[in-house]
Structures are given as C-alpha cells and as structure tokens.
Amino acid sequence: MDEDAAETIAAYYEALEASEPLSPFFAESLSTVKVGLSEQLVGYPDVADALAEQTATTADWRVEDADPSITERDSFAWFHDRLTLAWTDTTLDTDYEFDTRWTGTLEANPDGTWQFVSLHVSSPCEELEDAEDDLFSWDD
C-alpha cells in the first residue's frame, strides 16, 4: 500500500478520534521518540505501552482545525501543525481541551507506508505568550 506522509498524519488523527490503536503509526525502533503534553517516551516499547494505556483510559477524542504543513523527501518527511485537541479521561471522569502544537518526523518503509520516528505535542503557555506580546509590542 503506497501512501504519502500527509495521508499517514491524517490517518493518525482519525485513529486518535476513533480510539483505535496508535502504536502501528510508530517505527519499531529503540530510537523512536514521542513527547506529549505530560510525558517523554523513548523507544518503541515505551511508546506502544503508553499509547495502549492512553487508549484504554480515554474517550471522546476530538482533533479540530488540523492543517499540517508537511515537507516530504524520498523516504523522510517532517511536519508541523496547530490544532485543538480534546478528550475525556475515563478514570477521572474529566474533560480536557488544549490548543496544541505538533512537530514530527516520519520515515518511509520499503512497503510504501510511513511511520513516525518522532512526534512532539505541546501546549503554549498563556502567560509566556502574553509576556511575548508585551515584549514585542509594536505600538511603542
């Protein structure tokens, strides 16, 4: 199955919203890295375990306003995106919603599929954004 990196990223977002397994989107390598809002995972085994736990303890995922900017080369791609991410933690019965920033790199497999070798998701700090706005005000 030949696909491009953009299709893989879109499929990841869809799988997240559908609470489907996410570990198949990651390269089975000890150098695979996933950084989330509250964790840093290094190595496919840790990434796969954490994603399985996430899927088991969350529901009602929403990915809104996704519009990734993707650069693809022969067997390597990178992207960035800003989107709203929301979900329910079923163990705490608590809803979360964050404006998030995503960056990641993907590698093409010989079979034409793409997988993440790194994925970083963060949320901007409102206090720092406000301070930056004050610091770089052009009205002075």
N, C-alpha and C. Protein backbone atom coordinates (compact mmCIF):
# COMPACT_ATOMS: atom_id res chain seq x y z
N MET A 1 0.85 -1.18 0.00
CA MET A 1 0.00 0.00 0.00
C MET A 1 0.89 1.24 0.00
N ASP A 2 0.89 1.96 -1.08
CA ASP A 2 1.66 3.20 -1.16
C ASP A 2 0.80 4.36 -0.66
N GLU A 3 1.38 5.15 0.19
CA GLU A 3 0.70 6.35 0.69
C GLU A 3 1.77 7.40 0.87
N ASP A 4 1.33 8.60 1.17
CA ASP A 4 2.32 9.63 1.45
C ASP A 4 2.24 10.02 2.92
N ALA A 5 3.17 10.84 3.35
CA ALA A 5 3.24 11.23 4.75
C ALA A 5 1.96 11.96 5.19
N ALA A 6 1.40 12.78 4.32
CA ALA A 6 0.18 13.52 4.66
C ALA A 6 -0.98 12.57 4.97
N GLU A 7 -1.10 11.50 4.19
CA GLU A 7 -2.15 10.52 4.44
C GLU A 7 -1.94 9.82 5.78
N THR A 8 -0.69 9.58 6.13
CA THR A 8 -0.39 8.92 7.40
C THR A 8 -0.76 9.83 8.57
N ILE A 9 -0.42 11.10 8.48
CA ILE A 9 -0.75 12.05 9.55
C ILE A 9 -2.27 12.16 9.70
N ALA A 10 -2.99 12.28 8.59
CA ALA A 10 -4.45 12.34 8.63
C ALA A 10 -5.03 11.06 9.24
N ALA A 11 -4.48 9.92 8.87
CA ALA A 11 -4.95 8.64 9.40
C ALA A 11 -4.68 8.55 10.91
N TYR A 12 -3.56 9.12 11.36
CA TYR A 12 -3.25 9.13 12.79
C TYR A 12 -4.30 9.95 13.54
N TYR A 13 -4.61 11.13 13.04
CA TYR A 13 -5.64 11.96 13.67
C TYR A 13 -6.97 11.21 13.73
N GLU A 14 -7.34 10.55 12.64
CA GLU A 14 -8.60 9.80 12.59
C GLU A 14 -8.59 8.62 13.56
N ALA A 15 -7.47 7.91 13.65
CA ALA A 15 -7.36 6.78 14.58
C ALA A 15 -7.46 7.28 16.03
N LEU A 16 -6.86 8.43 16.31
CA LEU A 16 -6.94 9.01 17.64
C LEU A 16 -8.39 9.30 17.99
N GLU A 17 -9.11 9.94 17.10
CA GLU A 17 -10.52 10.26 17.34
C GLU A 17 -11.38 9.02 17.49
N ALA A 18 -11.03 7.95 16.80
CA ALA A 18 -11.81 6.71 16.83
C ALA A 18 -11.37 5.76 17.95
N SER A 19 -10.41 6.18 18.77
CA SER A 19 -9.86 5.35 19.85
C SER A 19 -9.33 4.02 19.33
N GLU A 20 -8.71 4.07 18.16
CA GLU A 20 -8.09 2.88 17.58
C GLU A 20 -6.63 2.82 18.02
N PRO A 21 -6.00 1.65 17.91
CA PRO A 21 -4.59 1.53 18.30
C PRO A 21 -3.71 2.52 17.53
N LEU A 22 -2.80 3.17 18.25
CA LEU A 22 -1.93 4.18 17.65
C LEU A 22 -0.49 3.69 17.46
N SER A 23 -0.10 2.63 18.15
CA SER A 23 1.28 2.18 18.06
C SER A 23 1.70 1.76 16.64
N PRO A 24 0.79 1.26 15.78
CA PRO A 24 1.23 0.92 14.42
C PRO A 24 1.72 2.12 13.61
N PHE A 25 1.44 3.33 14.06
CA PHE A 25 1.89 4.53 13.37
C PHE A 25 3.35 4.87 13.68
N PHE A 26 3.95 4.14 14.63
CA PHE A 26 5.31 4.44 15.07
C PHE A 26 6.28 3.35 14.64
N ALA A 27 7.48 3.78 14.27
CA ALA A 27 8.54 2.84 13.88
C ALA A 27 8.95 2.01 15.09
N GLU A 28 9.12 0.71 14.86
CA GLU A 28 9.53 -0.20 15.93
C GLU A 28 11.04 -0.11 16.09
N SER A 29 11.47 0.96 16.73
CA SER A 29 12.89 1.24 16.92
C SER A 29 13.12 1.74 18.34
N LEU A 30 14.27 1.43 18.88
CA LEU A 30 14.61 1.95 20.20
C LEU A 30 14.90 3.44 20.18
N SER A 31 15.05 4.02 18.99
CA SER A 31 15.30 5.46 18.89
C SER A 31 14.02 6.26 18.60
N THR A 32 12.89 5.60 18.49
CA THR A 32 11.61 6.30 18.30
C THR A 32 11.31 7.13 19.55
N VAL A 33 10.83 8.36 19.34
CA VAL A 33 10.55 9.28 20.45
C VAL A 33 9.16 9.87 20.29
N LYS A 34 8.42 9.92 21.40
CA LYS A 34 7.13 10.62 21.44
C LYS A 34 7.11 11.48 22.69
N VAL A 35 6.91 12.77 22.49
CA VAL A 35 6.78 13.71 23.60
C VAL A 35 5.35 14.22 23.56
N GLY A 36 4.65 14.06 24.67
CA GLY A 36 3.27 14.51 24.76
C GLY A 36 3.15 15.67 25.73
N LEU A 37 1.92 16.00 26.06
CA LEU A 37 1.68 17.11 26.97
C LEU A 37 2.24 16.85 28.36
N SER A 38 2.34 15.58 28.74
CA SER A 38 2.80 15.29 30.11
C SER A 38 3.85 14.19 30.20
N GLU A 39 4.42 13.77 29.05
CA GLU A 39 5.41 12.71 29.13
C GLU A 39 6.41 12.77 27.99
N GLN A 40 7.54 12.10 28.21
CA GLN A 40 8.54 11.91 27.16
C GLN A 40 8.82 10.42 27.11
N LEU A 41 8.61 9.83 25.96
CA LEU A 41 8.78 8.39 25.79
C LEU A 41 9.87 8.15 24.77
N VAL A 42 10.80 7.27 25.11
CA VAL A 42 11.91 6.96 24.22
C VAL A 42 11.93 5.45 23.99
N GLY A 43 11.90 5.06 22.73
CA GLY A 43 11.91 3.66 22.37
C GLY A 43 10.50 3.15 22.08
N TYR A 44 10.38 2.37 21.02
CA TYR A 44 9.06 1.87 20.64
C TYR A 44 8.33 1.14 21.77
N PRO A 45 8.99 0.28 22.56
CA PRO A 45 8.24 -0.40 23.62
C PRO A 45 7.54 0.57 24.58
N ASP A 46 8.23 1.64 24.99
CA ASP A 46 7.61 2.61 25.90
C ASP A 46 6.50 3.39 25.20
N VAL A 47 6.72 3.77 23.94
CA VAL A 47 5.70 4.48 23.17
C VAL A 47 4.45 3.60 23.03
N ALA A 48 4.63 2.35 22.64
CA ALA A 48 3.50 1.45 22.44
C ALA A 48 2.73 1.22 23.74
N ASP A 49 3.45 1.01 24.84
CA ASP A 49 2.78 0.79 26.13
C ASP A 49 1.98 2.02 26.55
N ALA A 50 2.57 3.19 26.42
CA ALA A 50 1.88 4.42 26.83
C ALA A 50 0.66 4.69 25.95
N LEU A 51 0.78 4.44 24.66
CA LEU A 51 -0.36 4.65 23.76
C LEU A 51 -1.48 3.67 24.06
N ALA A 52 -1.15 2.42 24.39
CA ALA A 52 -2.17 1.44 24.76
C ALA A 52 -2.89 1.87 26.03
N GLU A 53 -2.13 2.37 27.00
CA GLU A 53 -2.73 2.87 28.25
C GLU A 53 -3.62 4.08 27.97
N GLN A 54 -3.16 4.98 27.11
CA GLN A 54 -3.94 6.17 26.75
C GLN A 54 -5.27 5.75 26.11
N THR A 55 -5.21 4.82 25.19
CA THR A 55 -6.43 4.37 24.51
C THR A 55 -7.39 3.71 25.49
N ALA A 56 -6.85 2.98 26.47
CA ALA A 56 -7.69 2.27 27.44
C ALA A 56 -8.34 3.20 28.46
N THR A 57 -7.77 4.37 28.68
CA THR A 57 -8.25 5.25 29.76
C THR A 57 -8.81 6.58 29.28
N THR A 58 -9.02 6.71 27.98
CA THR A 58 -9.58 7.96 27.44
C THR A 58 -10.68 7.66 26.44
N ALA A 59 -11.48 8.67 26.14
CA ALA A 59 -12.57 8.53 25.17
C ALA A 59 -12.90 9.90 24.59
N ASP A 60 -13.74 9.88 23.58
CA ASP A 60 -14.30 11.12 23.01
C ASP A 60 -13.24 12.10 22.53
N TRP A 61 -12.21 11.58 21.86
CA TRP A 61 -11.15 12.44 21.32
C TRP A 61 -11.70 13.31 20.20
N ARG A 62 -11.25 14.56 20.18
CA ARG A 62 -11.57 15.48 19.09
C ARG A 62 -10.28 16.15 18.62
N VAL A 63 -10.08 16.14 17.33
CA VAL A 63 -8.97 16.85 16.70
C VAL A 63 -9.61 17.89 15.80
N GLU A 64 -9.44 19.16 16.14
CA GLU A 64 -10.10 20.23 15.39
C GLU A 64 -9.09 21.20 14.80
N ASP A 65 -9.42 21.71 13.63
CA ASP A 65 -8.62 22.71 12.93
C ASP A 65 -7.24 22.20 12.52
N ALA A 66 -7.15 20.90 12.27
CA ALA A 66 -5.88 20.33 11.82
C ALA A 66 -5.60 20.78 10.39
N ASP A 67 -4.41 21.26 10.16
CA ASP A 67 -3.98 21.67 8.83
C ASP A 67 -2.45 21.58 8.78
N PRO A 68 -1.94 20.35 8.79
CA PRO A 68 -0.49 20.20 8.89
C PRO A 68 0.26 20.74 7.67
N SER A 69 1.41 21.30 7.94
CA SER A 69 2.34 21.72 6.90
C SER A 69 3.40 20.63 6.81
N ILE A 70 3.52 19.99 5.66
CA ILE A 70 4.34 18.79 5.52
C ILE A 70 5.37 18.98 4.42
N THR A 71 6.58 18.58 4.71
CA THR A 71 7.64 18.53 3.70
C THR A 71 8.07 17.07 3.58
N GLU A 72 8.05 16.57 2.36
CA GLU A 72 8.38 15.17 2.13
C GLU A 72 9.55 15.06 1.16
N ARG A 73 10.50 14.22 1.51
CA ARG A 73 11.62 13.88 0.65
C ARG A 73 11.53 12.38 0.37
N ASP A 74 12.46 11.82 -0.35
CA ASP A 74 12.39 10.43 -0.77
C ASP A 74 11.80 9.50 0.29
N SER A 75 12.47 9.35 1.40
CA SER A 75 12.00 8.41 2.42
C SER A 75 11.91 9.06 3.80
N PHE A 76 11.82 10.40 3.80
CA PHE A 76 11.82 11.14 5.05
C PHE A 76 10.86 12.32 4.93
N ALA A 77 10.13 12.61 5.99
CA ALA A 77 9.21 13.75 5.97
C ALA A 77 9.16 14.38 7.36
N TRP A 78 8.84 15.66 7.39
CA TRP A 78 8.64 16.34 8.65
C TRP A 78 7.43 17.25 8.52
N PHE A 79 6.81 17.56 9.67
CA PHE A 79 5.60 18.38 9.63
C PHE A 79 5.47 19.19 10.91
N HIS A 80 4.59 20.19 10.81
CA HIS A 80 4.16 20.92 12.00
C HIS A 80 2.69 21.25 11.82
N ASP A 81 2.01 21.44 12.94
CA ASP A 81 0.57 21.69 12.92
C ASP A 81 0.20 22.41 14.22
N ARG A 82 -0.89 23.15 14.16
CA ARG A 82 -1.52 23.75 15.35
C ARG A 82 -2.97 23.31 15.30
N LEU A 83 -3.44 22.71 16.39
CA LEU A 83 -4.81 22.23 16.40
C LEU A 83 -5.34 22.18 17.81
N THR A 84 -6.65 22.08 17.92
CA THR A 84 -7.28 21.91 19.22
C THR A 84 -7.45 20.42 19.45
N LEU A 85 -7.04 19.98 20.62
CA LEU A 85 -7.10 18.57 20.99
C LEU A 85 -7.94 18.47 22.26
N ALA A 86 -8.95 17.60 22.24
CA ALA A 86 -9.82 17.44 23.41
C ALA A 86 -10.13 15.96 23.61
N TRP A 87 -10.33 15.58 24.87
CA TRP A 87 -10.65 14.19 25.20
C TRP A 87 -11.21 14.11 26.61
N THR A 88 -11.72 12.94 26.95
CA THR A 88 -12.20 12.64 28.30
C THR A 88 -11.29 11.60 28.91
N ASP A 89 -10.80 11.88 30.11
CA ASP A 89 -10.06 10.89 30.90
C ASP A 89 -11.13 10.07 31.62
N THR A 90 -11.27 8.80 31.25
CA THR A 90 -12.35 7.98 31.80
C THR A 90 -12.07 7.52 33.22
N THR A 91 -10.81 7.52 33.65
CA THR A 91 -10.51 7.12 35.03
C THR A 91 -10.85 8.24 36.01
N LEU A 92 -10.71 9.49 35.57
CA LEU A 92 -11.01 10.64 36.43
C LEU A 92 -12.35 11.29 36.10
N ASP A 93 -12.98 10.82 35.01
CA ASP A 93 -14.22 11.42 34.51
C ASP A 93 -14.04 12.94 34.36
N THR A 94 -12.96 13.31 33.66
CA THR A 94 -12.60 14.71 33.48
C THR A 94 -12.36 14.98 32.00
N ASP A 95 -12.90 16.10 31.53
CA ASP A 95 -12.68 16.51 30.14
C ASP A 95 -11.51 17.47 30.06
N TYR A 96 -10.73 17.34 28.98
CA TYR A 96 -9.59 18.22 28.74
C TYR A 96 -9.70 18.80 27.34
N GLU A 97 -9.20 20.01 27.18
CA GLU A 97 -9.11 20.64 25.86
C GLU A 97 -7.91 21.58 25.87
N PHE A 98 -7.07 21.44 24.84
CA PHE A 98 -5.87 22.25 24.73
C PHE A 98 -5.68 22.71 23.30
N ASP A 99 -5.18 23.93 23.14
CA ASP A 99 -4.62 24.34 21.87
C ASP A 99 -3.22 23.73 21.85
N THR A 100 -2.90 23.00 20.80
CA THR A 100 -1.64 22.27 20.79
C THR A 100 -0.81 22.59 19.55
N ARG A 101 0.49 22.35 19.71
CA ARG A 101 1.44 22.49 18.61
C ARG A 101 2.07 21.12 18.40
N TRP A 102 2.14 20.70 17.16
CA TRP A 102 2.69 19.38 16.84
C TRP A 102 3.88 19.55 15.89
N THR A 103 4.93 18.77 16.13
CA THR A 103 6.01 18.62 15.17
C THR A 103 6.37 17.14 15.14
N GLY A 104 6.80 16.69 13.99
CA GLY A 104 7.16 15.29 13.91
C GLY A 104 7.94 14.97 12.67
N THR A 105 8.58 13.81 12.71
CA THR A 105 9.30 13.29 11.55
C THR A 105 8.79 11.88 11.27
N LEU A 106 8.75 11.57 9.99
CA LEU A 106 8.29 10.26 9.55
C LEU A 106 9.32 9.67 8.59
N GLU A 107 9.31 8.34 8.55
CA GLU A 107 10.22 7.63 7.66
C GLU A 107 9.39 6.66 6.83
N ALA A 108 9.74 6.56 5.55
CA ALA A 108 9.04 5.63 4.66
C ALA A 108 9.61 4.22 4.83
N ASN A 109 8.72 3.25 4.83
CA ASN A 109 9.11 1.84 4.88
C ASN A 109 9.22 1.30 3.46
N PRO A 110 9.92 0.19 3.28
CA PRO A 110 10.03 -0.40 1.94
C PRO A 110 8.69 -0.75 1.29
N ASP A 111 7.66 -1.01 2.13
CA ASP A 111 6.35 -1.37 1.58
C ASP A 111 5.51 -0.16 1.18
N GLY A 112 6.08 1.06 1.30
CA GLY A 112 5.37 2.26 0.89
C GLY A 112 4.58 2.93 1.99
N THR A 113 4.58 2.37 3.19
CA THR A 113 3.90 3.01 4.32
C THR A 113 4.87 3.95 5.02
N TRP A 114 4.32 4.87 5.80
CA TRP A 114 5.10 5.83 6.55
C TRP A 114 4.82 5.62 8.03
N GLN A 115 5.85 5.86 8.87
CA GLN A 115 5.68 5.77 10.32
C GLN A 115 6.44 6.92 10.98
N PHE A 116 5.92 7.33 12.13
CA PHE A 116 6.59 8.35 12.92
C PHE A 116 7.88 7.79 13.53
N VAL A 117 8.94 8.55 13.46
CA VAL A 117 10.15 8.25 14.22
C VAL A 117 10.28 9.23 15.38
N SER A 118 9.59 10.36 15.26
CA SER A 118 9.48 11.29 16.39
C SER A 118 8.16 12.05 16.26
N LEU A 119 7.57 12.32 17.40
CA LEU A 119 6.34 13.12 17.46
C LEU A 119 6.39 13.92 18.75
N HIS A 120 6.17 15.22 18.62
CA HIS A 120 6.20 16.12 19.78
C HIS A 120 4.92 16.94 19.78
N VAL A 121 4.19 16.85 20.89
CA VAL A 121 2.95 17.62 21.06
C VAL A 121 3.12 18.48 22.31
N SER A 122 2.87 19.76 22.17
CA SER A 122 2.97 20.67 23.31
C SER A 122 1.81 21.65 23.29
N SER A 123 1.66 22.34 24.39
CA SER A 123 0.61 23.36 24.50
C SER A 123 1.29 24.65 24.92
N PRO A 124 0.98 25.75 24.22
CA PRO A 124 1.62 27.01 24.59
C PRO A 124 1.20 27.46 25.99
N CYS A 125 2.11 28.11 26.66
CA CYS A 125 1.84 28.67 27.98
C CYS A 125 1.28 30.07 27.78
N GLU A 126 0.05 30.28 28.22
CA GLU A 126 -0.61 31.56 28.01
C GLU A 126 0.17 32.73 28.62
N GLU A 127 0.73 32.50 29.81
CA GLU A 127 1.50 33.56 30.47
C GLU A 127 2.69 33.98 29.62
N LEU A 128 3.39 33.00 29.04
CA LEU A 128 4.54 33.33 28.20
C LEU A 128 4.13 34.00 26.90
N GLU A 129 3.01 33.55 26.32
CA GLU A 129 2.54 34.20 25.10
C GLU A 129 2.18 35.65 25.37
N ASP A 130 1.50 35.90 26.51
CA ASP A 130 1.14 37.27 26.87
C ASP A 130 2.39 38.12 27.10
N ALA A 131 3.39 37.54 27.77
CA ALA A 131 4.64 38.26 28.02
C ALA A 131 5.34 38.57 26.71
N GLU A 132 5.33 37.62 25.78
CA GLU A 132 5.96 37.84 24.48
C GLU A 132 5.23 38.95 23.72
N ASP A 133 3.91 38.96 23.82
CA ASP A 133 3.15 40.03 23.17
C ASP A 133 3.54 41.39 23.73
N ASP A 134 3.70 41.46 25.06
CA ASP A 134 4.09 42.71 25.70
C ASP A 134 5.51 43.11 25.30
N LEU A 135 6.39 42.14 25.25
CA LEU A 135 7.79 42.38 24.94
C LEU A 135 7.98 42.90 23.52
N PHE A 136 7.21 42.38 22.60
CA PHE A 136 7.37 42.71 21.20
C PHE A 136 6.24 43.60 20.66
N SER A 137 5.69 44.41 21.52
CA SER A 137 4.63 45.30 21.10
C SER A 137 5.18 46.36 20.13
N TRP A 138 4.52 46.51 19.02
CA TRP A 138 4.96 47.49 18.02
C TRP A 138 4.28 48.84 18.20
N ASP A 139 3.42 48.94 19.24
CA ASP A 139 2.70 50.18 19.46
C ASP A 139 3.56 51.22 20.18
N ASP A 140 4.71 50.85 20.69
CA ASP A 140 5.57 51.78 21.45
C ASP A 140 6.23 52.78 20.55
